[in-house]
PDB file of N, CA and C in Angstrom:
ATOM      1  N   MET A   1     -44.553  31.446-131.620  1.00  0.00           N
ATOM      2  CA  MET A   1     -44.295  32.128-130.373  1.00  0.00           C
ATOM      3  C   MET A   1     -43.302  31.342-129.508  1.00  0.00           C
ATOM      4  N   LYS A   2     -43.386  30.001-129.545  1.00  0.00           N
ATOM      5  CA  LYS A   2     -42.461  29.176-128.764  1.00  0.00           C
ATOM      6  C   LYS A   2     -41.017  29.404-129.211  1.00  0.00           C
ATOM      7  N   HIS A   3     -40.834  29.535-130.526  1.00  0.00           N
ATOM      8  CA  HIS A   3     -39.481  29.711-131.055  1.00  0.00           C
ATOM      9  C   HIS A   3     -38.896  31.059-130.628  1.00  0.00           C
ATOM     10  N   LEU A   4     -39.728  32.076-130.583  1.00  0.00           N
ATOM     11  CA  LEU A   4     -39.273  33.389-130.154  1.00  0.00           C
ATOM     12  C   LEU A   4     -38.845  33.354-128.681  1.00  0.00           C
ATOM     13  N   ALA A   5     -39.642  32.700-127.851  1.00  0.00           N
ATOM     14  CA  ALA A   5     -39.308  32.585-126.426  1.00  0.00           C
ATOM     15  C   ALA A   5     -38.004  31.812-126.242  1.00  0.00           C
ATOM     16  N   LEU A   6     -37.828  30.743-127.003  1.00  0.00           N
ATOM     17  CA  LEU A   6     -36.603  29.950-126.918  1.00  0.00           C
ATOM     18  C   LEU A   6     -35.390  30.775-127.354  1.00  0.00           C
ATOM     19  N   ALA A   7     -35.539  31.535-128.427  1.00  0.00           N
ATOM     20  CA  ALA A   7     -34.441  32.372-128.912  1.00  0.00           C
ATOM     21  C   ALA A   7     -34.059  33.420-127.866  1.00  0.00           C
ATOM     22  N   LEU A   8     -35.048  34.037-127.236  1.00  0.00           N
ATOM     23  CA  LEU A   8     -34.763  35.027-126.200  1.00  0.00           C
ATOM     24  C   LEU A   8     -34.075  34.394-124.997  1.00  0.00           C
ATOM     25  N   LEU A   9     -34.508  33.197-124.620  1.00  0.00           N
ATOM     26  CA  LEU A   9     -33.880  32.494-123.505  1.00  0.00           C
ATOM     27  C   LEU A   9     -32.423  32.173-123.810  1.00  0.00           C
ATOM     28  N   LEU A  10     -32.146  31.678-125.015  1.00  0.00           N
ATOM     29  CA  LEU A  10     -30.776  31.353-125.401  1.00  0.00           C
ATOM     30  C   LEU A  10     -29.897  32.589-125.430  1.00  0.00           C
ATOM     31  N   CYS A  11     -30.429  33.700-125.888  1.00  0.00           N
ATOM     32  CA  CYS A  11     -29.656  34.953-125.897  1.00  0.00           C
ATOM     33  C   CYS A  11     -29.336  35.402-124.471  1.00  0.00           C
ATOM     34  N   ALA A  12     -30.289  35.249-123.568  1.00  0.00           N
ATOM     35  CA  ALA A  12     -30.058  35.626-122.172  1.00  0.00           C
ATOM     36  C   ALA A  12     -29.003  34.737-121.541  1.00  0.00           C
ATOM     37  N   LEU A  13     -29.046  33.443-121.809  1.00  0.00           N
ATOM     38  CA  LEU A  13     -28.068  32.521-121.247  1.00  0.00           C
ATOM     39  C   LEU A  13     -26.678  32.774-121.798  1.00  0.00           C
ATOM     40  N   LEU A  14     -26.585  33.164-123.061  1.00  0.00           N
ATOM     41  CA  LEU A  14     -25.292  33.454-123.667  1.00  0.00           C
ATOM     42  C   LEU A  14     -24.581  34.578-122.930  1.00  0.00           C
ATOM     43  N   SER A  15     -25.330  35.592-122.510  1.00  0.00           N
ATOM     44  CA  SER A  15     -24.699  36.715-121.810  1.00  0.00           C
ATOM     45  C   SER A  15     -24.224  36.330-120.418  1.00  0.00           C
ATOM     46  N   LEU A  16     -24.727  35.231-119.862  1.00  0.00           N
ATOM     47  CA  LEU A  16     -24.297  34.785-118.542  1.00  0.00           C
ATOM     48  C   LEU A  16     -23.060  33.903-118.608  1.00  0.00           C
ATOM     49  N   SER A  17     -22.689  33.468-119.788  1.00  0.00           N
ATOM     50  CA  SER A  17     -21.550  32.563-119.905  1.00  0.00           C
ATOM     51  C   SER A  17     -20.233  33.332-119.848  1.00  0.00           C
ATOM     52  N   ASP A  18     -19.187  32.640-119.435  1.00  0.00           N
ATOM     53  CA  ASP A  18     -17.871  33.264-119.378  1.00  0.00           C
ATOM     54  C   ASP A  18     -17.336  33.409-120.795  1.00  0.00           C
ATOM     55  N   ALA A  19     -16.756  34.556-121.096  1.00  0.00           N
ATOM     56  CA  ALA A  19     -16.349  34.851-122.468  1.00  0.00           C
ATOM     57  C   ALA A  19     -15.063  34.162-122.882  1.00  0.00           C
ATOM     58  N   PHE A  20     -14.213  33.800-121.938  1.00  0.00           N
ATOM     59  CA  PHE A  20     -12.934  33.276-122.351  1.00  0.00           C
ATOM     60  C   PHE A  20     -12.444  32.216-121.374  1.00  0.00           C
ATOM     61  N   CYS A  21     -12.836  30.986-121.617  1.00  0.00           N
ATOM     62  CA  CYS A  21     -12.373  29.837-120.842  1.00  0.00           C
ATOM     63  C   CYS A  21     -12.021  28.723-121.812  1.00  0.00           C
ATOM     64  N   TYR A  22     -11.140  27.873-121.379  1.00  0.00           N
ATOM     65  CA  TYR A  22     -10.920  26.649-122.152  1.00  0.00           C
ATOM     66  C   TYR A  22     -10.677  25.497-121.199  1.00  0.00           C
ATOM     67  N   ARG A  23     -11.151  24.343-121.600  1.00  0.00           N
ATOM     68  CA  ARG A  23     -11.020  23.131-120.805  1.00  0.00           C
ATOM     69  C   ARG A  23      -9.726  22.426-121.170  1.00  0.00           C
ATOM     70  N   LYS A  24      -9.191  21.699-120.193  1.00  0.00           N
ATOM     71  CA  LYS A  24      -7.964  20.947-120.422  1.00  0.00           C
ATOM     72  C   LYS A  24      -8.237  19.479-120.103  1.00  0.00           C
ATOM     73  N   LEU A  25      -7.643  18.610-120.865  1.00  0.00           N
ATOM     74  CA  LEU A  25      -7.835  17.179-120.687  1.00  0.00           C
ATOM     75  C   LEU A  25      -6.967  16.672-119.543  1.00  0.00           C
ATOM     76  N   MET A  26      -7.609  15.973-118.605  1.00  0.00           N
ATOM     77  CA  MET A  26      -6.866  15.360-117.500  1.00  0.00           C
ATOM     78  C   MET A  26      -6.882  13.851-117.681  1.00  0.00           C
ATOM     79  N   LYS A  27      -5.738  13.254-117.494  1.00  0.00           N
ATOM     80  CA  LYS A  27      -5.644  11.799-117.591  1.00  0.00           C
ATOM     81  C   LYS A  27      -5.844  11.192-116.210  1.00  0.00           C
ATOM     82  N   GLU A  28      -6.448  10.030-116.177  1.00  0.00           N
ATOM     83  CA  GLU A  28      -6.696   9.346-114.913  1.00  0.00           C
ATOM     84  C   GLU A  28      -5.372   9.054-114.203  1.00  0.00           C
ATOM     85  N   GLY A  29      -5.338   9.307-112.906  1.00  0.00           N
ATOM     86  CA  GLY A  29      -4.155   9.032-112.118  1.00  0.00           C
ATOM     87  C   GLY A  29      -3.146  10.168-112.061  1.00  0.00           C
ATOM     88  N   MET A  30      -3.436  11.281-112.745  1.00  0.00           N
ATOM     89  CA  MET A  30      -2.506  12.423-112.714  1.00  0.00           C
ATOM     90  C   MET A  30      -2.400  12.971-111.293  1.00  0.00           C
ATOM     91  N   THR A  31      -1.195  13.337-110.880  1.00  0.00           N
ATOM     92  CA  THR A  31      -1.002  13.993-109.583  1.00  0.00           C
ATOM     93  C   THR A  31      -0.600  15.450-109.761  1.00  0.00           C
ATOM     94  N   HIS A  32      -0.074  15.804-110.947  1.00  0.00           N
ATOM     95  CA  HIS A  32       0.337  17.167-111.270  1.00  0.00           C
ATOM     96  C   HIS A  32      -0.028  17.471-112.719  1.00  0.00           C
ATOM     97  N   CYS A  33      -0.138  18.756-113.022  1.00  0.00           N
ATOM     98  CA  CYS A  33      -0.377  19.183-114.403  1.00  0.00           C
ATOM     99  C   CYS A  33       0.518  20.380-114.695  1.00  0.00           C
ATOM    100  N   GLN A  34       0.724  20.642-115.983  1.00  0.00           N
ATOM    101  CA  GLN A  34       1.617  21.733-116.384  1.00  0.00           C
ATOM    102  C   GLN A  34       0.808  22.883-116.963  1.00  0.00           C
ATOM    103  N   ASP A  35       1.132  24.097-116.537  1.00  0.00           N
ATOM    104  CA  ASP A  35       0.503  25.291-117.095  1.00  0.00           C
ATOM    105  C   ASP A  35       0.927  25.440-118.550  1.00  0.00           C
ATOM    106  N   ASP A  36      -0.030  25.674-119.432  1.00  0.00           N
ATOM    107  CA  ASP A  36       0.251  25.758-120.868  1.00  0.00           C
ATOM    108  C   ASP A  36       1.117  26.954-121.245  1.00  0.00           C
ATOM    109  N   ASP A  37       1.012  28.043-120.501  1.00  0.00           N
ATOM    110  CA  ASP A  37       1.758  29.259-120.848  1.00  0.00           C
ATOM    111  C   ASP A  37       3.101  29.351-120.117  1.00  0.00           C
ATOM    112  N   ASP A  38       3.080  29.131-118.815  1.00  0.00           N
ATOM    113  CA  ASP A  38       4.295  29.315-118.018  1.00  0.00           C
ATOM    114  C   ASP A  38       5.144  28.049-117.897  1.00  0.00           C
ATOM    115  N   GLN A  39       4.579  26.921-118.293  1.00  0.00           N
ATOM    116  CA  GLN A  39       5.279  25.629-118.196  1.00  0.00           C
ATOM    117  C   GLN A  39       5.607  25.254-116.751  1.00  0.00           C
ATOM    118  N   THR A  40       4.856  25.792-115.773  1.00  0.00           N
ATOM    119  CA  THR A  40       5.053  25.447-114.369  1.00  0.00           C
ATOM    120  C   THR A  40       4.159  24.265-114.012  1.00  0.00           C
ATOM    121  N   TRP A  41       4.566  23.493-113.012  1.00  0.00           N
ATOM    122  CA  TRP A  41       3.833  22.306-112.593  1.00  0.00           C
ATOM    123  C   TRP A  41       3.032  22.609-111.329  1.00  0.00           C
ATOM    124  N   HIS A  42       1.803  22.049-111.268  1.00  0.00           N
ATOM    125  CA  HIS A  42       0.897  22.298-110.150  1.00  0.00           C
ATOM    126  C   HIS A  42       0.206  21.001-109.743  1.00  0.00           C
ATOM    127  N   PRO A  43      -0.036  20.815-108.432  1.00  0.00           N
ATOM    128  CA  PRO A  43      -0.743  19.613-107.980  1.00  0.00           C
ATOM    129  C   PRO A  43      -2.207  19.633-108.417  1.00  0.00           C
ATOM    130  N   VAL A  44      -2.755  18.472-108.724  1.00  0.00           N
ATOM    131  CA  VAL A  44      -4.173  18.347-109.070  1.00  0.00           C
ATOM    132  C   VAL A  44      -4.994  18.873-107.887  1.00  0.00           C
ATOM    133  N   GLY A  45      -6.000  19.686-108.170  1.00  0.00           N
ATOM    134  CA  GLY A  45      -6.846  20.278-107.129  1.00  0.00           C
ATOM    135  C   GLY A  45      -6.450  21.692-106.764  1.00  0.00           C
ATOM    136  N   SER A  46      -5.281  22.142-107.219  1.00  0.00           N
ATOM    137  CA  SER A  46      -4.844  23.506-106.900  1.00  0.00           C
ATOM    138  C   SER A  46      -5.332  24.478-107.974  1.00  0.00           C
ATOM    139  N   THR A  47      -5.292  25.764-107.654  1.00  0.00           N
ATOM    140  CA  THR A  47      -5.603  26.821-108.616  1.00  0.00           C
ATOM    141  C   THR A  47      -4.464  27.832-108.589  1.00  0.00           C
ATOM    142  N   TRP A  48      -4.282  28.523-109.716  1.00  0.00           N
ATOM    143  CA  TRP A  48      -3.208  29.510-109.826  1.00  0.00           C
ATOM    144  C   TRP A  48      -3.551  30.517-110.898  1.00  0.00           C
ATOM    145  N   ARG A  49      -2.877  31.654-110.872  1.00  0.00           N
ATOM    146  CA  ARG A  49      -2.983  32.673-111.923  1.00  0.00           C
ATOM    147  C   ARG A  49      -1.653  32.708-112.641  1.00  0.00           C
ATOM    148  N   ASN A  50      -1.692  32.543-113.971  1.00  0.00           N
ATOM    149  CA  ASN A  50      -0.435  32.519-114.723  1.00  0.00           C
ATOM    150  C   ASN A  50      -0.078  33.912-115.264  1.00  0.00           C
ATOM    151  N   SER A  51       1.013  33.998-115.979  1.00  0.00           N
ATOM    152  CA  SER A  51       1.520  35.285-116.469  1.00  0.00           C
ATOM    153  C   SER A  51       0.661  35.892-117.575  1.00  0.00           C
ATOM    154  N   LYS A  52      -0.283  35.124-118.123  1.00  0.00           N
ATOM    155  CA  LYS A  52      -1.199  35.634-119.154  1.00  0.00           C
ATOM    156  C   LYS A  52      -2.531  36.069-118.543  1.00  0.00           C
ATOM    157  N   CYS A  53      -2.552  36.234-117.208  1.00  0.00           N
ATOM    158  CA  CYS A  53      -3.756  36.643-116.476  1.00  0.00           C
ATOM    159  C   CYS A  53      -4.905  35.660-116.661  1.00  0.00           C
ATOM    160  N   MET A  54      -4.561  34.389-116.597  1.00  0.00           N
ATOM    161  CA  MET A  54      -5.557  33.327-116.657  1.00  0.00           C
ATOM    162  C   MET A  54      -5.631  32.658-115.290  1.00  0.00           C
ATOM    163  N   ASP A  55      -6.842  32.492-114.761  1.00  0.00           N
ATOM    164  CA  ASP A  55      -7.047  31.739-113.528  1.00  0.00           C
ATOM    165  C   ASP A  55      -7.235  30.287-113.931  1.00  0.00           C
ATOM    166  N   CYS A  56      -6.351  29.424-113.452  1.00  0.00           N
ATOM    167  CA  CYS A  56      -6.306  28.046-113.936  1.00  0.00           C
ATOM    168  C   CYS A  56      -6.443  27.024-112.825  1.00  0.00           C
ATOM    169  N   SER A  57      -6.874  25.853-113.229  1.00  0.00           N
ATOM    170  CA  SER A  57      -6.792  24.627-112.447  1.00  0.00           C
ATOM    171  C   SER A  57      -6.290  23.581-113.438  1.00  0.00           C
ATOM    172  N   CYS A  58      -6.166  22.371-113.003  1.00  0.00           N
ATOM    173  CA  CYS A  58      -5.645  21.346-113.914  1.00  0.00           C
ATOM    174  C   CYS A  58      -6.617  21.019-115.051  1.00  0.00           C
ATOM    175  N   ASP A  59      -7.909  21.343-114.883  1.00  0.00           N
ATOM    176  CA  ASP A  59      -8.863  21.001-115.942  1.00  0.00           C
ATOM    177  C   ASP A  59      -9.479  22.195-116.667  1.00  0.00           C
ATOM    178  N   GLU A  60      -9.130  23.430-116.261  1.00  0.00           N
ATOM    179  CA  GLU A  60      -9.730  24.591-116.919  1.00  0.00           C
ATOM    180  C   GLU A  60      -8.911  25.849-116.660  1.00  0.00           C
ATOM    181  N   CYS A  61      -8.889  26.741-117.647  1.00  0.00           N
ATOM    182  CA  CYS A  61      -8.313  28.080-117.485  1.00  0.00           C
ATOM    183  C   CYS A  61      -9.335  29.099-117.989  1.00  0.00           C
ATOM    184  N   CYS A  62      -9.496  30.198-117.244  1.00  0.00           N
ATOM    185  CA  CYS A  62     -10.421  31.261-117.620  1.00  0.00           C
ATOM    186  C   CYS A  62      -9.734  32.608-117.458  1.00  0.00           C
ATOM    187  N   SER A  63     -10.118  33.543-118.293  1.00  0.00           N
ATOM    188  CA  SER A  63      -9.536  34.878-118.180  1.00  0.00           C
ATOM    189  C   SER A  63      -9.882  35.466-116.821  1.00  0.00           C
ATOM    190  N   ALA A  64      -8.934  36.159-116.236  1.00  0.00           N
ATOM    191  CA  ALA A  64      -9.107  36.741-114.909  1.00  0.00           C
ATOM    192  C   ALA A  64      -9.536  38.201-114.999  1.00  0.00           C
ATOM    193  N   TYR A  65      -9.957  38.642-116.169  1.00  0.00           N
ATOM    194  CA  TYR A  65     -10.293  40.049-116.363  1.00  0.00           C
ATOM    195  C   TYR A  65     -11.452  40.187-117.344  1.00  0.00           C
ATOM    196  N   SER A  66     -12.059  41.356-117.327  1.00  0.00           N
ATOM    197  CA  SER A  66     -13.100  41.714-118.287  1.00  0.00           C
ATOM    198  C   SER A  66     -12.515  42.704-119.284  1.00  0.00           C
ATOM    199  N   THR A  67     -12.966  42.628-120.525  1.00  0.00           N
ATOM    200  CA  THR A  67     -12.517  43.544-121.567  1.00  0.00           C
ATOM    201  C   THR A  67     -13.612  44.576-121.815  1.00  0.00           C
ATOM    202  N   PRO A  68     -13.373  45.856-121.518  1.00  0.00           N
ATOM    203  CA  PRO A  68     -14.396  46.884-121.721  1.00  0.00           C
ATOM    204  C   PRO A  68     -14.720  47.063-123.206  1.00  0.00           C
ATOM    205  N   HIS A  69     -16.020  47.178-123.505  1.00  0.00           N
ATOM    206  CA  HIS A  69     -16.439  47.342-124.898  1.00  0.00           C
ATOM    207  C   HIS A  69     -17.277  48.584-125.140  1.00  0.00           C
ATOM    208  N   ASN A  70     -17.787  49.179-124.099  1.00  0.00           N
ATOM    209  CA  ASN A  70     -18.636  50.350-124.290  1.00  0.00           C
ATOM    210  C   ASN A  70     -18.295  51.379-123.212  1.00  0.00           C
ATOM    211  N   PHE A  71     -17.660  52.451-123.637  1.00  0.00           N
ATOM    212  CA  PHE A  71     -17.276  53.530-122.738  1.00  0.00           C
ATOM    213  C   PHE A  71     -17.258  54.817-123.568  1.00  0.00           C
ATOM    214  N   PRO A  72     -17.210  55.988-122.942  1.00  0.00           N
ATOM    215  CA  PRO A  72     -17.263  57.248-123.693  1.00  0.00           C
ATOM    216  C   PRO A  72     -16.171  57.345-124.766  1.00  0.00           C
ATOM    217  N   TYR A  73     -16.494  58.008-125.862  1.00  0.00           N
ATOM    218  CA  TYR A  73     -15.590  58.101-127.020  1.00  0.00           C
ATOM    219  C   TYR A  73     -14.295  58.844-126.711  1.00  0.00           C
ATOM    220  N   ASP A  74     -14.315  59.713-125.696  1.00  0.00           N
ATOM    221  CA  ASP A  74     -13.103  60.474-125.374  1.00  0.00           C
ATOM    222  C   ASP A  74     -12.222  59.746-124.348  1.00  0.00           C
ATOM    223  N   CYS A  75     -12.460  58.443-124.202  1.00  0.00           N
ATOM    224  CA  CYS A  75     -11.693  57.627-123.257  1.00  0.00           C
ATOM    225  C   CYS A  75     -10.973  56.505-124.006  1.00  0.00           C
ATOM    226  N   VAL A  76     -10.002  55.901-123.322  1.00  0.00           N
ATOM    227  CA  VAL A  76      -9.217  54.819-123.898  1.00  0.00           C
ATOM    228  C   VAL A  76      -9.044  53.741-122.832  1.00  0.00           C
ATOM    229  N   SER A  77      -9.012  52.466-123.273  1.00  0.00           N
ATOM    230  CA  SER A  77      -8.769  51.379-122.319  1.00  0.00           C
ATOM    231  C   SER A  77      -7.328  50.911-122.460  1.00  0.00           C
ATOM    232  N   VAL A  78      -6.675  50.716-121.324  1.00  0.00           N
ATOM    233  CA  VAL A  78      -5.279  50.294-121.275  1.00  0.00           C
ATOM    234  C   VAL A  78      -5.194  49.090-120.341  1.00  0.00           C
ATOM    235  N   PHE A  79      -4.539  48.023-120.794  1.00  0.00           N
ATOM    236  CA  PHE A  79      -4.428  46.823-119.974  1.00  0.00           C
ATOM    237  C   PHE A  79      -3.238  46.930-119.034  1.00  0.00           C
ATOM    238  N   ASP A  80      -3.478  46.643-117.754  1.00  0.00           N
ATOM    239  CA  ASP A  80      -2.426  46.615-116.739  1.00  0.00           C
ATOM    240  C   ASP A  80      -2.128  45.144-116.444  1.00  0.00           C
ATOM    241  N   PRO A  81      -1.027  44.589-116.993  1.00  0.00           N
ATOM    242  CA  PRO A  81      -0.746  43.160-116.826  1.00  0.00           C
ATOM    243  C   PRO A  81      -0.395  42.755-115.395  1.00  0.00           C
ATOM    244  N   LYS A  82       0.057  43.687-114.587  1.00  0.00           N
ATOM    245  CA  LYS A  82       0.363  43.344-113.189  1.00  0.00           C
ATOM    246  C   LYS A  82      -0.909  43.178-112.371  1.00  0.00           C
ATOM    247  N   ALA A  83      -1.896  44.027-112.625  1.00  0.00           N
ATOM    248  CA  ALA A  83      -3.173  43.948-111.905  1.00  0.00           C
ATOM    249  C   ALA A  83      -4.171  43.046-112.622  1.00  0.00           C
ATOM    250  N   CYS A  84      -3.850  42.629-113.848  1.00  0.00           N
ATOM    251  CA  CYS A  84      -4.754  41.808-114.676  1.00  0.00           C
ATOM    252  C   CYS A  84      -6.110  42.489-114.852  1.00  0.00           C
ATOM    253  N   GLN A  85      -6.075  43.753-115.239  1.00  0.00           N
ATOM    254  CA  GLN A  85      -7.326  44.472-115.483  1.00  0.00           C
ATOM    255  C   GLN A  85      -7.112  45.602-116.487  1.00  0.00           C
ATOM    256  N   TYR A  86      -8.217  45.970-117.148  1.00  0.00           N
ATOM    257  CA  TYR A  86      -8.201  47.131-118.018  1.00  0.00           C
ATOM    258  C   TYR A  86      -8.547  48.355-117.200  1.00  0.00           C
ATOM    259  N   ILE A  87      -7.871  49.443-117.481  1.00  0.00           N
ATOM    260  CA  ILE A  87      -8.176  50.726-116.861  1.00  0.00           C
ATOM    261  C   ILE A  87      -8.655  51.633-117.987  1.00  0.00           C
ATOM    262  N   VAL A  88      -9.820  52.233-117.807  1.00  0.00           N
ATOM    263  CA  VAL A  88     -10.384  53.134-118.815  1.00  0.00           C
ATOM    264  C   VAL A  88     -10.288  54.551-118.268  1.00  0.00           C
ATOM    265  N   HIS A  89      -9.579  55.397-119.015  1.00  0.00           N
ATOM    266  CA  HIS A  89      -9.379  56.773-118.569  1.00  0.00           C
ATOM    267  C   HIS A  89      -9.508  57.727-119.753  1.00  0.00           C
ATOM    268  N   LYS A  90      -9.581  59.031-119.434  1.00  0.00           N
ATOM    269  CA  LYS A  90      -9.664  60.063-120.468  1.00  0.00           C
ATOM    270  C   LYS A  90      -8.399  60.016-121.319  1.00  0.00           C
ATOM    271  N   ARG A  91      -8.571  60.184-122.618  1.00  0.00           N
ATOM    272  CA  ARG A  91      -7.417  60.165-123.534  1.00  0.00           C
ATOM    273  C   ARG A  91      -6.388  61.234-123.177  1.00  0.00           C
ATOM    274  N   ASP A  92      -6.871  62.408-122.832  1.00  0.00           N
ATOM    275  CA  ASP A  92      -5.962  63.529-122.580  1.00  0.00           C
ATOM    276  C   ASP A  92      -5.572  63.692-121.114  1.00  0.00           C
ATOM    277  N   ASP A  93      -6.153  62.847-120.221  1.00  0.00           N
ATOM    278  CA  ASP A  93      -5.829  62.950-118.800  1.00  0.00           C
ATOM    279  C   ASP A  93      -5.975  61.582-118.127  1.00  0.00           C
ATOM    280  N   PRO A  94      -4.897  60.801-118.062  1.00  0.00           N
ATOM    281  CA  PRO A  94      -4.963  59.454-117.478  1.00  0.00           C
ATOM    282  C   PRO A  94      -5.374  59.414-116.008  1.00  0.00           C
ATOM    283  N   SER A  95      -5.387  60.547-115.331  1.00  0.00           N
ATOM    284  CA  SER A  95      -5.792  60.550-113.925  1.00  0.00           C
ATOM    285  C   SER A  95      -7.311  60.545-113.755  1.00  0.00           C
ATOM    286  N   VAL A  96      -8.043  60.784-114.848  1.00  0.00           N
ATOM    287  CA  VAL A  96      -9.509  60.806-114.781  1.00  0.00           C
ATOM    288  C   VAL A  96     -10.052  59.493-115.350  1.00  0.00           C
ATOM    289  N   LEU A  97     -10.652  58.690-114.470  1.00  0.00           N
ATOM    290  CA  LEU A  97     -11.225  57.418-114.902  1.00  0.00           C
ATOM    291  C   LEU A  97     -12.573  57.629-115.571  1.00  0.00           C
ATOM    292  N   CYS A  98     -12.917  56.737-116.488  1.00  0.00           N
ATOM    293  CA  CYS A  98     -14.170  56.819-117.226  1.00  0.00           C
ATOM    294  C   CYS A  98     -15.094  55.675-116.832  1.00  0.00           C
ATOM    295  N   PRO A  99     -16.402  55.883-116.992  1.00  0.00           N
ATOM    296  CA  PRO A  99     -17.339  54.794-116.725  1.00  0.00           C
ATOM    297  C   PRO A  99     -17.269  53.741-117.840  1.00  0.00           C
ATOM    298  N   ILE A 100     -17.529  52.499-117.468  1.00  0.00           N
ATOM    299  CA  ILE A 100     -17.603  51.391-118.424  1.00  0.00           C
ATOM    300  C   ILE A 100     -19.048  50.936-118.450  1.00  0.00           C
ATOM    301  N   TYR A 101     -19.666  50.961-119.626  1.00  0.00           N
ATOM    302  CA  TYR A 101     -21.079  50.609-119.752  1.00  0.00           C
ATOM    303  C   TYR A 101     -21.286  49.130-120.043  1.00  0.00           C
ATOM    304  N   SER A 102     -20.323  48.485-120.676  1.00  0.00           N
ATOM    305  CA  SER A 102     -20.417  47.043-120.896  1.00  0.00           C
ATOM    306  C   SER A 102     -19.029  46.476-121.095  1.00  0.00           C
ATOM    307  N   ALA A 103     -18.899  45.186-120.754  1.00  0.00           N
ATOM    308  CA  ALA A 103     -17.616  44.505-120.871  1.00  0.00           C
ATOM    309  C   ALA A 103     -17.868  43.031-121.151  1.00  0.00           C
ATOM    310  N   VAL A 104     -16.867  42.357-121.665  1.00  0.00           N
ATOM    311  CA  VAL A 104     -16.963  40.938-121.964  1.00  0.00           C
ATOM    312  C   VAL A 104     -15.937  40.195-121.121  1.00  0.00           C
ATOM    313  N   GLY A 105     -16.349  39.098-120.536  1.00  0.00           N
ATOM    314  CA  GLY A 105     -15.439  38.274-119.759  1.00  0.00           C
ATOM    315  C   GLY A 105     -15.787  38.217-118.300  1.00  0.00           C
ATOM    316  N   LYS A 106     -14.968  37.521-117.596  1.00  0.00           N
ATOM    317  CA  LYS A 106     -15.060  37.257-116.165  1.00  0.00           C
ATOM    318  C   LYS A 106     -16.423  37.383-115.619  1.00  0.00           C
TER     319      LYS A 106
END
């Protein structure tokens, strides 16, 4: 019974974790760091959003959006890179938005 409770707890914690982050190595004494995608330089302690829709700091980058995984079959998800978000709408009518039942990320 203990193992079952532990397994359920671990499954619950997994769903609370961020789906897409990565850590970056910082060297002691650094005053600036470089964005891996845009090659731009930023002061230590600052945060920014890069062109790949990642919210970054000098020691970590995480996706700034959620990826929809469960929505009605007659709908489609389309990524808007300017807004850094997926829009889910009817396949035959992009003006009609669809509900999202589950998503991964952010």
